[in-house]
Each structure stands twice: as structure tokens, then as C-alpha cells.
N, C-alpha and C. Protein backbone atom coordinates (compact mmCIF):
# COMPACT_ATOMS: atom_id res chain seq x y z
N UNK A 1 -60.13 -0.41 -17.72
CA UNK A 1 -59.10 -0.63 -19.25
C UNK A 1 -57.40 0.16 -19.10
N UNK A 2 -57.62 1.53 -19.05
CA UNK A 2 -56.67 2.66 -19.59
C UNK A 2 -55.79 2.71 -18.11
N UNK A 3 -56.70 2.04 -16.17
CA UNK A 3 -56.32 1.86 -15.15
C UNK A 3 -54.73 0.81 -15.68
N UNK A 4 -55.71 0.08 -15.51
CA UNK A 4 -54.45 -1.69 -15.88
C UNK A 4 -53.45 -1.14 -16.78
N UNK A 5 -53.27 -0.28 -17.59
CA UNK A 5 -52.72 -0.13 -18.61
C UNK A 5 -51.71 0.64 -17.67
N UNK A 6 -51.88 1.48 -17.56
CA UNK A 6 -51.16 2.31 -16.81
C UNK A 6 -50.57 1.78 -15.71
N UNK A 7 -51.05 1.02 -14.76
CA UNK A 7 -50.69 0.88 -13.86
C UNK A 7 -49.09 -0.27 -14.13
N UNK A 8 -49.56 -1.01 -15.67
CA UNK A 8 -48.56 -2.43 -15.20
C UNK A 8 -47.54 -1.57 -16.36
N UNK A 9 -47.96 -0.40 -17.64
CA UNK A 9 -46.66 0.50 -17.53
C UNK A 9 -45.84 1.27 -16.11
N UNK A 10 -46.72 1.39 -15.10
CA UNK A 10 -45.58 2.16 -14.24
C UNK A 10 -44.43 1.22 -14.04
N UNK A 11 -45.17 0.15 -13.60
CA UNK A 11 -44.61 -1.16 -12.74
C UNK A 11 -43.56 -1.58 -13.70
N UNK A 12 -44.00 -1.66 -15.13
CA UNK A 12 -42.43 -2.20 -15.67
C UNK A 12 -41.42 -1.02 -15.64
N UNK A 13 -41.38 0.17 -15.83
CA UNK A 13 -40.70 1.73 -15.50
C UNK A 13 -39.71 1.05 -14.07
N UNK A 14 -40.37 0.97 -13.40
CA UNK A 14 -39.84 0.97 -11.64
C UNK A 14 -39.40 -0.07 -11.60
N UNK A 15 -39.41 -1.53 -12.54
CA UNK A 15 -38.83 -2.57 -12.36
C UNK A 15 -36.72 -2.09 -12.27
N UNK A 16 -36.34 -3.09 -11.60
CA UNK A 16 -34.64 -2.49 -11.60
C UNK A 16 -34.40 -2.56 -12.80
N UNK A 17 -33.78 -2.21 -13.73
CA UNK A 17 -33.10 -2.90 -15.32
C UNK A 17 -32.06 -3.83 -15.03
N UNK A 18 -32.09 -5.04 -15.47
CA UNK A 18 -31.08 -5.60 -15.13
C UNK A 18 -29.52 -5.55 -15.86
N UNK A 19 -28.64 -5.26 -15.01
CA UNK A 19 -26.91 -5.21 -15.26
C UNK A 19 -26.75 -6.28 -16.59
N UNK A 20 -26.21 -5.85 -17.14
CA UNK A 20 -25.03 -6.64 -18.21
C UNK A 20 -24.66 -7.93 -17.40
N UNK A 21 -24.81 -8.80 -17.77
CA UNK A 21 -24.55 -9.96 -17.24
C UNK A 21 -22.74 -10.29 -17.59
N UNK A 22 -21.96 -10.45 -16.71
CA UNK A 22 -20.29 -10.39 -17.03
C UNK A 22 -20.26 -11.97 -17.62
N UNK A 23 -18.89 -11.83 -18.46
CA UNK A 23 -18.87 -13.32 -19.37
C UNK A 23 -18.31 -14.17 -18.03
N UNK A 24 -18.43 -15.61 -17.78
CA UNK A 24 -18.15 -16.24 -16.96
C UNK A 24 -17.54 -17.68 -17.26
N UNK A 25 -16.23 -17.92 -16.83
CA UNK A 25 -15.04 -18.94 -17.40
C UNK A 25 -14.01 -18.43 -18.10
N UNK A 26 -13.22 -19.19 -17.76
CA UNK A 26 -11.36 -18.85 -18.33
C UNK A 26 -11.78 -18.38 -20.08
N UNK A 27 -12.48 -19.21 -20.33
CA UNK A 27 -12.38 -19.16 -21.78
C UNK A 27 -13.29 -17.62 -22.75
N UNK A 28 -13.53 -16.50 -21.40
CA UNK A 28 -14.22 -15.49 -21.68
C UNK A 28 -13.24 -14.44 -21.63
N UNK A 29 -12.14 -14.30 -21.92
CA UNK A 29 -10.90 -13.01 -21.33
C UNK A 29 -10.91 -12.86 -22.88
N UNK A 30 -10.84 -11.42 -23.48
CA UNK A 30 -10.16 -11.19 -24.81
C UNK A 30 -8.74 -11.99 -25.32
N UNK A 31 -8.01 -11.84 -24.53
CA UNK A 31 -6.62 -12.44 -24.92
C UNK A 31 -6.48 -14.21 -23.36
N UNK A 32 -6.05 -14.62 -24.17
CA UNK A 32 -5.55 -15.76 -23.60
C UNK A 32 -4.73 -15.45 -21.68
N UNK A 33 -4.82 -15.56 -20.94
CA UNK A 33 -4.61 -15.52 -19.83
C UNK A 33 -3.91 -16.42 -19.18
N UNK A 34 -3.32 -17.68 -19.99
CA UNK A 34 -2.73 -18.57 -19.39
C UNK A 34 -1.79 -18.52 -18.31
N UNK A 35 -1.09 -17.26 -19.11
CA UNK A 35 0.80 -17.00 -17.87
C UNK A 35 0.16 -15.82 -17.12
N UNK A 36 -0.48 -15.42 -17.14
CA UNK A 36 -1.26 -14.12 -15.75
C UNK A 36 -2.04 -15.61 -14.90
N UNK A 37 -2.66 -16.26 -15.39
CA UNK A 37 -3.56 -17.22 -14.64
C UNK A 37 -2.38 -18.15 -13.33
N UNK A 38 -1.29 -18.33 -14.56
CA UNK A 38 -0.59 -19.68 -14.12
C UNK A 38 0.76 -18.61 -12.81
N UNK A 39 0.75 -17.13 -12.85
CA UNK A 39 2.34 -16.13 -12.26
C UNK A 39 1.11 -16.49 -10.59
N UNK A 40 -0.63 -15.81 -11.41
CA UNK A 40 -0.97 -15.25 -9.80
C UNK A 40 -1.71 -16.58 -8.55
N UNK A 41 -1.29 -17.82 -9.09
CA UNK A 41 -1.95 -18.87 -8.59
C UNK A 41 -0.34 -19.47 -7.95
N UNK A 42 0.21 -18.67 -8.34
CA UNK A 42 2.03 -19.82 -7.78
C UNK A 42 2.44 -19.83 -6.87
N UNK A 43 3.14 -20.87 -6.17
CA UNK A 43 3.13 -20.36 -4.42
C UNK A 43 4.24 -19.47 -4.62
N UNK A 44 5.28 -19.39 -5.77
CA UNK A 44 6.77 -18.60 -5.36
C UNK A 44 6.18 -16.61 -5.02
N UNK A 45 4.91 -16.40 -5.11
CA UNK A 45 4.88 -15.26 -5.36
C UNK A 45 5.10 -14.25 -4.06
N UNK A 46 5.56 -12.95 -4.30
CA UNK A 46 6.12 -11.97 -3.39
C UNK A 46 5.06 -12.00 -2.50
N UNK A 47 4.88 -11.85 -1.03
CA UNK A 47 4.44 -11.13 -0.32
C UNK A 47 4.62 -9.65 -0.07
N UNK A 48 3.85 -8.54 0.19
CA UNK A 48 3.88 -7.36 -0.13
C UNK A 48 3.10 -7.16 0.99
N UNK A 49 2.87 -6.24 2.20
CA UNK A 49 2.34 -4.95 2.97
C UNK A 49 2.33 -4.19 2.06
N UNK A 50 0.94 -3.16 2.02
CA UNK A 50 0.72 -2.00 1.57
C UNK A 50 1.26 -1.07 2.05
N UNK A 51 2.04 -0.04 1.20
CA UNK A 51 3.03 1.03 1.45
C UNK A 51 4.37 0.21 1.15
N UNK A 52 4.06 -1.18 0.52
CA UNK A 52 5.78 -1.23 0.58
C UNK A 52 6.07 -0.50 -1.35
N UNK A 53 7.61 -0.34 -1.23
CA UNK A 53 8.20 -0.14 -2.32
C UNK A 53 9.35 -1.20 -3.40
N UNK A 54 8.93 -2.31 -4.40
CA UNK A 54 10.09 -2.57 -4.60
C UNK A 54 11.08 -2.15 -5.73
N UNK A 55 11.91 -2.54 -5.67
CA UNK A 55 12.90 -2.01 -7.06
C UNK A 55 12.77 -2.07 -8.24
N UNK A 56 12.46 -3.71 -8.50
CA UNK A 56 11.85 -3.76 -10.03
C UNK A 56 10.08 -4.50 -9.80
N UNK A 57 9.88 -4.82 -11.27
CA UNK A 57 8.42 -5.14 -10.96
C UNK A 57 8.82 -6.81 -10.90
N UNK A 58 8.55 -7.71 -10.30
CA UNK A 58 8.61 -8.81 -10.12
C UNK A 58 8.06 -9.26 -11.25
N UNK A 59 8.84 -10.82 -11.59
CA UNK A 59 8.86 -11.58 -12.59
C UNK A 59 7.59 -12.93 -12.27
N UNK A 60 7.54 -12.93 -10.92
CA UNK A 60 6.36 -13.59 -10.26
C UNK A 60 5.27 -12.56 -9.73
N UNK A 61 3.87 -13.29 -9.37
CA UNK A 61 3.26 -12.69 -8.96
C UNK A 61 3.75 -12.16 -7.14
N UNK A 62 2.28 -11.35 -7.15
CA UNK A 62 2.82 -10.64 -5.49
C UNK A 62 1.39 -10.91 -4.89
N UNK A 63 1.28 -11.39 -3.73
CA UNK A 63 -0.23 -10.66 -2.83
C UNK A 63 0.78 -10.04 -2.00
N UNK A 64 -0.71 -8.86 -2.10
CA UNK A 64 -0.77 -7.46 -1.31
C UNK A 64 -2.04 -7.57 -0.61
N UNK A 65 -1.63 -7.22 0.70
CA UNK A 65 -1.84 -7.07 2.01
C UNK A 65 -3.13 -5.79 1.83
N UNK A 66 -4.03 -5.46 2.28
CA UNK A 66 -4.86 -4.90 2.22
C UNK A 66 -5.58 -4.47 3.66
N UNK A 67 -6.33 -3.33 3.55
CA UNK A 67 -6.86 -2.67 4.86
C UNK A 67 -7.76 -2.19 4.70
N UNK A 68 -8.27 -1.30 5.78
CA UNK A 68 -9.74 -0.81 5.36
C UNK A 68 -9.26 0.90 4.39
N UNK A 69 -10.14 1.15 3.53
CA UNK A 69 -9.59 2.31 2.46
C UNK A 69 -9.26 3.32 3.38
N UNK A 70 -10.03 3.91 4.68
CA UNK A 70 -9.78 4.78 5.35
C UNK A 70 -8.35 4.47 6.53
N UNK A 71 -7.94 3.44 6.56
CA UNK A 71 -6.45 2.75 6.96
C UNK A 71 -5.18 2.99 6.33
N UNK A 72 -6.07 2.25 4.52
CA UNK A 72 -4.74 2.50 3.66
C UNK A 72 -3.99 3.29 3.67
N UNK A 73 -3.99 4.36 3.42
CA UNK A 73 -3.61 5.92 2.79
C UNK A 73 -2.79 5.46 1.33
N UNK A 74 -3.77 5.31 0.57
CA UNK A 74 -3.45 5.60 -0.49
C UNK A 74 -3.32 6.78 -0.69
N UNK A 75 -2.16 6.83 -1.79
CA UNK A 75 -0.90 8.39 -2.12
C UNK A 75 -1.74 9.01 -2.74
N UNK A 76 -2.80 8.67 -3.44
CA UNK A 76 -3.91 8.84 -4.27
C UNK A 76 -5.66 8.90 -4.38
N UNK A 77 -6.53 9.66 -4.19
CA UNK A 77 -7.77 9.12 -4.04
C UNK A 77 -8.14 7.95 -5.21
N UNK A 78 -8.40 7.06 -5.43
CA UNK A 78 -9.22 6.18 -5.87
C UNK A 78 -10.04 6.79 -7.00
N UNK A 79 -10.17 6.76 -8.39
CA UNK A 79 -10.91 6.91 -9.31
C UNK A 79 -12.30 6.90 -9.17
N UNK A 80 -12.67 5.65 -8.26
CA UNK A 80 -13.68 5.20 -7.99
C UNK A 80 -13.39 4.93 -6.84
N UNK A 81 -14.75 5.59 -5.44
CA UNK A 81 -14.55 5.80 -4.48
C UNK A 81 -15.18 3.94 -4.21
N UNK A 82 -14.22 3.63 -2.85
CA UNK A 82 -14.19 2.36 -2.51
C UNK A 82 -16.01 2.33 -1.72
N UNK A 83 -16.41 1.26 -1.98
CA UNK A 83 -17.46 0.85 -0.68
C UNK A 83 -17.18 0.19 0.37
N UNK A 84 -18.16 0.83 1.14
CA UNK A 84 -17.98 0.61 2.51
C UNK A 84 -17.97 -1.04 2.76
N UNK A 85 -16.96 -1.63 3.66
CA UNK A 85 -16.85 -3.10 4.35
C UNK A 85 -15.69 -3.76 2.86
N UNK A 86 -15.10 -3.06 2.26
CA UNK A 86 -14.07 -3.42 1.36
C UNK A 86 -12.72 -3.32 1.68
N UNK A 87 -11.84 -3.49 0.89
CA UNK A 87 -10.38 -3.00 1.28
C UNK A 87 -9.35 -3.03 0.21
N UNK A 88 -8.64 -2.02 0.31
CA UNK A 88 -7.69 -1.55 -0.73
C UNK A 88 -6.11 -1.63 -0.21
N UNK A 89 -5.44 -1.27 -0.76
CA UNK A 89 -3.50 -1.23 -0.72
C UNK A 89 -2.84 -0.62 -1.62
N UNK A 90 -1.81 -0.48 -1.53
CA UNK A 90 -1.02 0.14 -2.94
C UNK A 90 0.24 -0.25 -2.53
N UNK A 91 1.44 -0.05 -3.36
CA UNK A 91 2.60 -0.58 -3.48
C UNK A 91 3.80 0.20 -4.34
N UNK A 92 4.24 0.46 -4.77
CA UNK A 92 5.86 1.68 -5.64
C UNK A 92 6.73 0.38 -6.28
N UNK A 93 6.57 1.08 -7.20
CA UNK A 93 7.53 0.79 -8.23
C UNK A 93 8.84 1.56 -8.82
N UNK A 94 10.12 0.69 -8.81
CA UNK A 94 11.07 2.06 -9.75
C UNK A 94 10.72 1.49 -10.70
N UNK A 95 11.59 2.76 -11.49
CA UNK A 95 11.96 2.39 -12.64
C UNK A 95 11.66 1.37 -13.86
N UNK A 96 10.72 0.76 -13.69
CA UNK A 96 10.38 -0.28 -15.12
C UNK A 96 11.08 0.26 -16.60
N UNK A 97 11.39 -1.25 -17.63
CA UNK A 97 11.49 -1.00 -18.46
C UNK A 97 10.00 -0.38 -19.58
N UNK A 98 10.74 1.10 -19.50
CA UNK A 98 8.69 1.39 -20.86
C UNK A 98 8.34 0.26 -21.76
N UNK A 99 7.20 0.28 -21.76
CA UNK A 99 6.83 -1.13 -22.66
C UNK A 99 5.15 -0.94 -21.63
N UNK A 100 3.90 -2.24 -22.79
CA UNK A 100 2.77 -2.58 -22.31
C UNK A 100 3.10 -3.74 -21.64
N UNK A 101 2.48 -3.27 -20.33
CA UNK A 101 2.13 -4.50 -19.09
C UNK A 101 0.75 -5.00 -18.88
N UNK A 102 0.67 -6.08 -18.36
CA UNK A 102 -0.21 -6.50 -18.13
C UNK A 102 -0.23 -6.20 -16.85
N UNK A 103 -1.58 -6.16 -16.27
CA UNK A 103 -1.72 -6.03 -14.53
C UNK A 103 -2.85 -7.11 -14.64
N UNK A 104 -2.92 -7.89 -13.67
CA UNK A 104 -4.24 -9.10 -13.30
C UNK A 104 -4.15 -9.17 -11.90
N UNK A 105 -5.83 -9.09 -11.73
CA UNK A 105 -5.97 -9.11 -10.15
C UNK A 105 -6.33 -10.86 -10.38
N UNK A 106 -6.59 -11.23 -9.19
CA UNK A 106 -7.15 -12.72 -9.00
C UNK A 106 -8.36 -12.16 -7.91
N UNK A 107 -9.28 -11.08 -7.67
CA UNK A 107 -10.43 -11.04 -7.44
C UNK A 107 -10.77 -9.73 -7.90
N UNK A 108 -12.34 -9.50 -8.21
CA UNK A 108 -12.48 -8.20 -8.32
C UNK A 108 -12.45 -6.93 -7.51
N UNK A 109 -11.69 -6.04 -8.26
CA UNK A 109 -11.66 -4.71 -7.66
C UNK A 109 -11.12 -3.82 -8.26
N UNK A 110 -10.84 -2.37 -7.45
CA UNK A 110 -10.68 -1.56 -8.69
C UNK A 110 -9.31 -0.97 -8.86
N UNK A 111 -8.79 -0.73 -10.11
CA UNK A 111 -7.20 -0.64 -10.70
C UNK A 111 -6.79 0.78 -10.70
N UNK A 112 -5.97 1.57 -9.57
CA UNK A 112 -5.38 2.43 -10.62
C UNK A 112 -3.58 3.00 -10.08
N UNK A 113 -3.28 2.95 -11.35
CA UNK A 113 -1.61 3.37 -11.64
C UNK A 113 -1.72 4.30 -11.64
N UNK A 114 -0.46 5.30 -11.05
CA UNK A 114 -0.27 6.07 -11.07
C UNK A 114 1.06 7.08 -11.06
N UNK A 115 1.41 7.35 -12.53
CA UNK A 115 3.01 7.28 -12.68
C UNK A 115 2.91 8.83 -13.06
N UNK A 116 4.39 9.75 -12.52
CA UNK A 116 4.76 10.53 -12.50
C UNK A 116 3.57 11.83 -12.34
N UNK A 117 2.57 11.19 -11.17
CA UNK A 117 1.59 12.01 -10.21
C UNK A 117 0.50 12.23 -11.35
N UNK A 118 -0.02 11.29 -12.32
CA UNK A 118 -1.16 11.05 -12.86
C UNK A 118 -1.25 9.91 -12.85
N UNK A 119 -2.70 9.87 -13.39
CA UNK A 119 -3.31 8.04 -13.07
C UNK A 119 -2.83 7.76 -14.86
N UNK A 120 -3.19 6.63 -14.93
CA UNK A 120 -2.68 5.99 -16.81
C UNK A 120 -4.16 5.31 -16.89
N UNK A 121 -4.43 5.18 -17.99
CA UNK A 121 -5.57 4.77 -18.04
C UNK A 121 -5.23 3.26 -18.69
N UNK A 122 -6.39 2.76 -19.01
CA UNK A 122 -5.65 0.97 -19.44
C UNK A 122 -6.07 0.99 -20.95
N UNK A 123 -4.89 0.69 -21.61
CA UNK A 123 -5.48 0.69 -22.98
C UNK A 123 -6.12 -0.77 -23.57
N UNK A 124 -6.61 -1.11 -22.79
CA UNK A 124 -7.85 -2.86 -22.55
C UNK A 124 -7.58 -3.36 -21.63
N UNK A 125 -8.88 -3.35 -21.61
CA UNK A 125 -9.65 -4.66 -20.21
C UNK A 125 -10.36 -5.69 -20.60
N UNK A 126 -10.26 -7.18 -19.70
CA UNK A 126 -10.84 -8.02 -19.90
C UNK A 126 -11.07 -8.62 -18.34
N UNK A 127 -12.05 -9.16 -18.41
CA UNK A 127 -12.39 -9.91 -17.11
C UNK A 127 -13.96 -11.29 -16.81
N UNK A 128 -14.24 -11.98 -16.31
CA UNK A 128 -14.32 -13.01 -16.57
C UNK A 128 -14.91 -12.90 -14.94
N UNK A 129 -15.91 -13.48 -14.94
CA UNK A 129 -16.17 -14.93 -13.58
C UNK A 129 -15.79 -16.03 -13.42
N UNK A 130 -16.11 -17.01 -12.63
CA UNK A 130 -16.22 -18.09 -12.69
C UNK A 130 -14.36 -18.87 -13.16
N UNK A 131 -13.45 -18.22 -12.81
CA UNK A 131 -12.24 -18.58 -13.74
C UNK A 131 -10.68 -18.36 -12.37
N UNK A 132 -10.60 -19.41 -11.81
CA UNK A 132 -9.93 -19.54 -10.74
C UNK A 132 -8.87 -19.02 -10.91
N UNK A 133 -8.72 -18.13 -10.07
CA UNK A 133 -7.03 -17.58 -9.71
C UNK A 133 -7.01 -16.06 -10.55
N UNK A 134 -8.17 -15.97 -11.80
CA UNK A 134 -8.03 -14.53 -12.25
C UNK A 134 -9.09 -14.30 -12.18
N UNK A 135 -9.83 -12.89 -12.22
CA UNK A 135 -10.71 -12.75 -12.65
C UNK A 135 -10.70 -10.81 -13.20
N UNK A 136 -9.41 -10.11 -13.55
CA UNK A 136 -9.65 -8.69 -14.62
C UNK A 136 -7.73 -8.53 -14.97
N UNK A 137 -8.05 -8.66 -15.85
CA UNK A 137 -6.90 -8.00 -15.91
C UNK A 137 -6.55 -6.60 -17.05
N UNK A 138 -5.86 -6.25 -17.47
CA UNK A 138 -5.83 -4.90 -17.74
C UNK A 138 -4.44 -4.47 -18.64
N UNK A 139 -4.42 -3.79 -19.95
CA UNK A 139 -2.82 -3.31 -20.31
C UNK A 139 -2.50 -1.95 -20.49
N UNK A 140 -1.52 -1.54 -19.47
CA UNK A 140 -0.88 -0.29 -19.79
C UNK A 140 -0.33 -0.07 -20.45
N UNK A 141 0.60 1.00 -21.07
CA UNK A 141 1.65 2.02 -21.45
C UNK A 141 2.13 2.75 -20.07
N UNK A 142 3.52 1.62 -19.53
CA UNK A 142 4.31 2.38 -18.71
C UNK A 142 5.57 2.45 -19.20
N UNK A 143 5.74 3.92 -18.85
CA UNK A 143 7.31 4.78 -19.03
C UNK A 143 8.15 4.07 -18.08
N UNK A 144 9.38 4.67 -18.20
CA UNK A 144 11.01 4.12 -17.61
C UNK A 144 10.83 5.22 -16.30
N UNK A 145 9.27 5.57 -15.70
CA UNK A 145 10.07 5.95 -14.61
C UNK A 145 8.98 5.43 -12.96
N UNK A 146 9.25 6.10 -12.18
CA UNK A 146 8.49 5.09 -11.33
C UNK A 146 6.89 5.29 -11.43
N UNK A 147 6.18 4.08 -10.68
CA UNK A 147 5.06 3.86 -10.64
C UNK A 147 4.22 3.29 -9.41
N UNK A 148 3.03 3.88 -8.58
CA UNK A 148 2.35 2.99 -7.96
C UNK A 148 1.46 2.80 -8.29
N UNK A 149 0.55 1.41 -8.06
CA UNK A 149 -0.93 0.53 -8.52
C UNK A 149 -1.41 0.52 -6.81
N UNK A 150 -2.51 1.10 -7.41
CA UNK A 150 -3.53 1.12 -6.02
C UNK A 150 -4.66 0.35 -5.69
N UNK A 151 -4.61 -0.40 -5.37
CA UNK A 151 -6.16 -1.20 -5.60
C UNK A 151 -7.41 -0.87 -4.46
N UNK A 152 -8.57 -1.17 -4.83
CA UNK A 152 -9.39 -0.49 -4.03
C UNK A 152 -10.38 -1.76 -3.86
N UNK A 153 -11.59 -1.49 -3.34
CA UNK A 153 -12.85 -1.55 -3.27
C UNK A 153 -13.23 -3.52 -3.31
N UNK A 154 -11.90 -3.84 -2.98
CA UNK A 154 -12.06 -5.33 -2.83
C UNK A 154 -12.47 -6.34 -1.65
N UNK A 155 -13.22 -7.52 -1.57
CA UNK A 155 -13.69 -8.04 -0.51
C UNK A 155 -13.20 -8.82 0.14
N UNK A 156 -12.17 -8.98 -0.03
CA UNK A 156 -11.35 -9.63 0.76
C UNK A 156 -10.18 -8.95 1.26
N UNK A 157 -9.35 -9.33 2.13
CA UNK A 157 -8.34 -8.66 2.47
C UNK A 157 -6.58 -8.28 2.04
N UNK A 158 -6.44 -9.22 1.11
CA UNK A 158 -5.30 -9.56 -0.08
C UNK A 158 -5.67 -9.96 -1.27
N UNK A 159 -4.50 -10.07 -1.59
CA UNK A 159 -5.48 -9.68 -3.53
C UNK A 159 -3.94 -10.72 -3.50
N UNK A 160 -3.61 -11.52 -5.18
CA UNK A 160 -2.77 -11.95 -5.75
C UNK A 160 -2.63 -10.60 -7.21
N UNK A 161 -1.40 -10.38 -7.18
CA UNK A 161 -1.53 -9.02 -8.76
C UNK A 161 0.10 -9.84 -9.23
N UNK A 162 -0.30 -9.50 -10.65
CA UNK A 162 0.81 -10.00 -11.33
C UNK A 162 0.95 -8.89 -12.39
N UNK A 163 2.47 -8.17 -12.73
CA UNK A 163 2.73 -7.18 -13.70
C UNK A 163 3.38 -7.84 -14.58
N UNK A 164 3.14 -8.03 -15.61
CA UNK A 164 3.49 -8.55 -16.81
C UNK A 164 4.08 -8.03 -17.74
N UNK A 165 5.05 -8.37 -18.54
CA UNK A 165 5.44 -7.19 -20.12
C UNK A 165 4.29 -7.94 -21.07
N UNK A 166 3.21 -7.15 -21.90
CA UNK A 166 2.89 -7.86 -22.80
C UNK A 166 3.06 -8.69 -24.07
N UNK A 167 2.50 -10.07 -24.34
CA UNK A 167 3.13 -10.69 -24.89
C UNK A 167 2.62 -10.20 -26.74
């Protein structure tokens, strides 16, 4: 009996812990994402090659072409190392108007915003699966100086991105 109990306890301890389920559906974001979702899916998105620089943060969405992490030549090491078989890329922006901005992605991946040589930490984060056009959104406080947006760990070779003043 003790042996059976011991084996049962060992098997339970060895079972993989179930990861927390991610929220599913557009209504599961922590704030209203209607504007970001519309911008991410609009046909007038700016098409960018990785490494490009824009004079200003566009009011439209952007589609950023990505490549293998080794080929992406990210200006700063990503905070989270990309997995094998994923894609990465970056773009830089001249000085925006200082403020809180939402940075939204159409697909799951890691975002690094680098300004004045330092990574910015998001002030807030929200994400959900099963919401067509948007997967995650973060709020950052960006100062009036140039910054770089890096993305990594994406499963596709392009991603739609929106950087919008926070409402």
C-alpha cells in the first residue's frame, strides 16, 4: 500500500504543471483595443524592411518584414532570447512627441523598445488569443528622442505593428 501511494505521489510530482491558460477572445483584453485592431488590419499599412528608419511614428499600422534572428542584426540583444525557427526584425523612429503610446502586434512575439541606449519597460500589458488582427498590446512612456522597436520570437516572417498615442 505504501509503495502504491509512493508511486502515485512520484507520478503526480513528475506530471508537467499546466501553464496558466491565456485569455481567449477580443473582449478579454484589459482595455478597449478596437482602434489598434482597426489600424493593424487596415489595407494602408506602411510596408517596412527590417532595419528601416522612419522620420515619425506613422498614424497607420506598419507591416515589418522579418528574418531569422541571426540575420536580423538587432541593434540590442533581445531581453528574451528567440527560439530556433522564429523570426526577428527592427525599425527605428526619429523623436516622437513625448507621451504614453500603445504598441500592438498582430501576432505573438517579444517586443523590446530601446531609447537612449536603454530598454523601456511597459507600463501595462494585455494579450489574448483568438482575436483576429491583434495578439498583444503594451503601453510605454516614450520621451521626445529617437527610439528603436525590436521584435523577436515570431512564428511568421512579417508582423503588423501599431504605435499609437494612448487614449
